[in-house]
Amino acid sequence: MMIEITQGDITQAPTQAIVNAANEQLLLGSGVAGAILRTGGSAIQEECYPLAPIREGEAVVTDAGNLRHDYVIHAVAPNGTKPGWENLVSNCASNIFRICEENHIESVAIPALGTGVFNLPPSRVAELLVAAAQKFRGEHLQKIVFVLFDEENFLWFHRANS
């Protein structure tokens, strides 16, 4: 398993799938979801409507519309640091990896789930997601790329992977 940490635009990641930091209604609006909608087109949103709602910690998959990827995996991180939020972040990772295996996805790009409008602490999210990636052993998924938009998240993920 190869794990990479990079800073940039997740919609440009050279991976088979990307992960959308989704909300429970799977509405593509701002942040990562907005970038996916702008670049991938409205077909992704249309495919999301019948899949919604999903709960925190869950993930679903759609085609990638006009994106260079084959799939978009929509994962819902918890909104805020309520009791059990860390388990929900770990569940997001498990569900992302499960979807990759079920769809024979070899590479996936993952953002800092929940650290934007959901206000989760970037240091702990980095620890949880990187630990889940380091422990994962699957048949198909060979490469996990954490694509971070800003320098703060990039540094936390880099530190967690060291």
Protein backbone atom coordinates (compact mmCIF):
# COMPACT_ATOMS: atom_id res chain seq x y z
CA MET A 1 0.00 0.00 0.00
CA MET A 2 1.36 3.39 -0.99
CA ILE A 3 0.30 6.50 0.98
CA GLU A 4 1.03 9.97 -0.37
CA ILE A 5 0.42 13.39 1.14
CA THR A 6 0.07 16.31 -1.27
CA GLN A 7 -1.29 19.83 -1.34
CA GLY A 8 -3.55 20.96 -4.16
CA ASP A 9 -6.90 20.59 -5.91
CA ILE A 10 -8.43 17.16 -5.33
CA THR A 11 -10.28 17.33 -8.66
CA GLN A 12 -6.88 17.20 -10.38
CA ALA A 13 -5.55 14.20 -8.44
CA PRO A 14 -4.18 11.45 -10.71
CA THR A 15 -6.30 8.74 -9.09
CA GLN A 16 -9.13 6.47 -10.19
CA ALA A 17 -11.48 7.88 -7.52
CA ILE A 18 -11.76 10.97 -5.34
CA VAL A 19 -13.59 11.46 -2.08
CA ASN A 20 -16.11 14.23 -1.58
CA ALA A 21 -16.38 15.68 1.93
CA ALA A 22 -20.16 15.39 1.76
CA ASN A 23 -23.11 16.47 3.86
CA GLU A 24 -25.93 14.11 4.83
CA GLN A 25 -28.16 15.32 1.98
CA LEU A 26 -25.33 14.85 -0.55
CA LEU A 27 -25.82 18.40 -1.81
CA LEU A 28 -22.76 19.63 -3.69
CA GLY A 29 -22.32 23.21 -2.58
CA SER A 30 -19.07 24.60 -1.21
CA GLY A 31 -15.56 23.45 -0.39
CA VAL A 32 -14.54 20.09 -1.88
CA ALA A 33 -18.14 19.39 -2.94
CA GLY A 34 -18.34 22.71 -4.78
CA ALA A 35 -15.07 22.03 -6.61
CA ILE A 36 -16.38 18.60 -7.62
CA LEU A 37 -19.64 20.11 -8.91
CA ARG A 38 -17.88 22.88 -10.85
CA THR A 39 -15.41 20.53 -12.49
CA GLY A 40 -17.47 17.35 -12.75
CA GLY A 41 -20.81 18.85 -13.74
CA SER A 42 -24.38 18.48 -12.58
CA ALA A 43 -24.61 14.78 -13.52
CA ILE A 44 -22.84 13.97 -10.24
CA GLN A 45 -25.44 15.90 -8.23
CA GLU A 46 -28.26 14.19 -10.15
CA GLU A 47 -26.82 10.80 -9.26
CA CYS A 48 -26.61 11.83 -5.58
CA TYR A 49 -30.30 12.72 -5.15
CA PRO A 50 -31.67 9.14 -4.94
CA LEU A 51 -28.83 8.06 -2.62
CA ALA A 52 -29.55 10.72 0.02
CA PRO A 53 -29.77 11.02 2.90
CA ILE A 54 -26.87 9.12 4.42
CA ARG A 55 -25.65 9.30 8.02
CA GLU A 56 -22.41 10.58 9.47
CA GLY A 57 -19.67 7.99 9.03
CA GLU A 58 -21.29 6.52 5.91
CA ALA A 59 -20.19 6.72 2.29
CA VAL A 60 -21.73 6.09 -1.14
CA VAL A 61 -20.29 6.10 -4.65
CA THR A 62 -21.31 7.78 -7.91
CA ASP A 63 -19.79 8.13 -11.34
CA ALA A 64 -17.45 11.08 -11.76
CA GLY A 65 -19.23 13.04 -14.50
CA ASN A 66 -16.76 15.23 -16.39
CA LEU A 67 -13.95 14.65 -13.89
CA ARG A 68 -10.86 12.75 -14.99
CA HIS A 69 -11.74 10.05 -12.44
CA ASP A 70 -14.00 7.02 -12.71
CA TYR A 71 -15.74 7.49 -9.35
CA VAL A 72 -16.61 9.99 -6.64
CA ILE A 73 -17.01 8.52 -3.16
CA HIS A 74 -19.19 10.76 -0.98
CA ALA A 75 -18.31 10.41 2.73
CA VAL A 76 -20.03 12.26 5.57
CA ALA A 77 -17.81 13.28 8.48
CA PRO A 78 -19.44 14.32 11.75
CA ASN A 79 -20.51 17.90 12.15
CA GLY A 80 -18.64 19.09 15.23
CA THR A 81 -16.85 17.34 18.07
CA LYS A 82 -19.81 15.68 19.75
CA PRO A 83 -19.24 12.43 21.65
CA GLY A 84 -18.18 9.63 19.31
CA TRP A 85 -17.01 11.89 16.48
CA GLU A 86 -13.65 10.13 16.24
CA ASN A 87 -15.34 6.78 15.62
CA LEU A 88 -17.43 8.37 12.88
CA VAL A 89 -14.29 9.68 11.14
CA SER A 90 -12.79 6.19 11.35
CA ASN A 91 -16.04 4.76 9.96
CA CYS A 92 -15.74 7.17 7.01
CA ALA A 93 -12.29 5.76 6.25
CA SER A 94 -13.50 2.15 6.55
CA ASN A 95 -16.45 2.83 4.27
CA ILE A 96 -14.26 4.58 1.69
CA PHE A 97 -11.88 1.62 1.61
CA ARG A 98 -14.80 -0.86 1.43
CA ILE A 99 -16.24 0.98 -1.58
CA CYS A 100 -12.81 0.97 -3.24
CA GLU A 101 -12.55 -2.78 -2.80
CA GLU A 102 -16.11 -3.45 -4.00
CA ASN A 103 -15.51 -1.40 -7.15
CA HIS A 104 -11.96 -2.64 -7.81
CA ILE A 105 -10.59 0.89 -7.37
CA GLU A 106 -6.79 0.92 -7.34
CA SER A 107 -6.18 4.53 -6.25
CA VAL A 108 -8.16 7.10 -4.29
CA ALA A 109 -7.66 10.74 -3.28
CA ILE A 110 -9.05 11.77 0.12
CA PRO A 111 -9.42 15.31 1.56
CA ALA A 112 -9.25 16.35 5.22
CA LEU A 113 -12.78 15.16 5.99
CA GLY A 114 -14.72 17.37 8.37
CA THR A 115 -12.04 20.00 8.94
CA GLY A 116 -13.82 22.71 6.96
CA VAL A 117 -17.37 23.79 7.78
CA PHE A 118 -17.79 20.81 10.15
CA ASN A 119 -15.04 22.25 12.41
CA LEU A 120 -13.19 19.05 13.30
CA PRO A 121 -9.62 19.48 14.57
CA PRO A 122 -7.22 18.93 11.65
CA SER A 123 -4.51 17.34 13.81
CA ARG A 124 -6.79 14.57 15.08
CA VAL A 125 -8.53 13.99 11.74
CA ALA A 126 -5.10 13.57 10.15
CA GLU A 127 -4.10 11.03 12.80
CA LEU A 128 -7.32 9.04 12.38
CA LEU A 129 -7.35 8.96 8.57
CA VAL A 130 -3.66 8.23 8.17
CA ALA A 131 -3.81 5.47 10.81
CA ALA A 132 -6.75 3.88 9.00
CA ALA A 133 -4.84 4.02 5.71
CA GLN A 134 -1.71 2.52 7.27
CA LYS A 135 -3.70 -0.39 8.72
CA PHE A 136 -5.76 -1.08 5.59
CA ARG A 137 -4.92 -4.17 3.57
CA GLY A 138 -7.05 -4.85 0.54
CA GLU A 139 -6.86 -6.77 -2.68
CA HIS A 140 -7.50 -3.90 -5.11
CA LEU A 141 -6.69 -0.56 -3.47
CA GLN A 142 -2.96 0.06 -3.90
CA LYS A 143 -2.58 3.83 -3.48
CA ILE A 144 -4.15 6.35 -1.09
CA VAL A 145 -3.40 10.01 -1.70
CA PHE A 146 -4.40 12.58 0.90
CA VAL A 147 -4.94 15.78 -1.06
CA LEU A 148 -5.03 18.82 1.21
CA PHE A 149 -6.19 22.22 0.04
CA ASP A 150 -4.33 24.30 2.60
CA GLU A 151 -0.89 24.23 4.19
CA GLU A 152 -2.15 23.64 7.75
CA ASN A 153 -3.88 20.38 6.83
CA PHE A 154 -0.96 19.37 4.63
CA LEU A 155 1.43 19.74 7.58
CA TRP A 156 -0.83 17.79 9.97
CA PHE A 157 -1.24 14.90 7.50
CA HIS A 158 2.48 14.88 6.71
CA ARG A 159 3.25 14.72 10.43
CA ALA A 160 0.71 11.92 10.98
CA ASN A 161 2.28 9.86 8.18
CA SER A 162 5.86 10.27 9.50
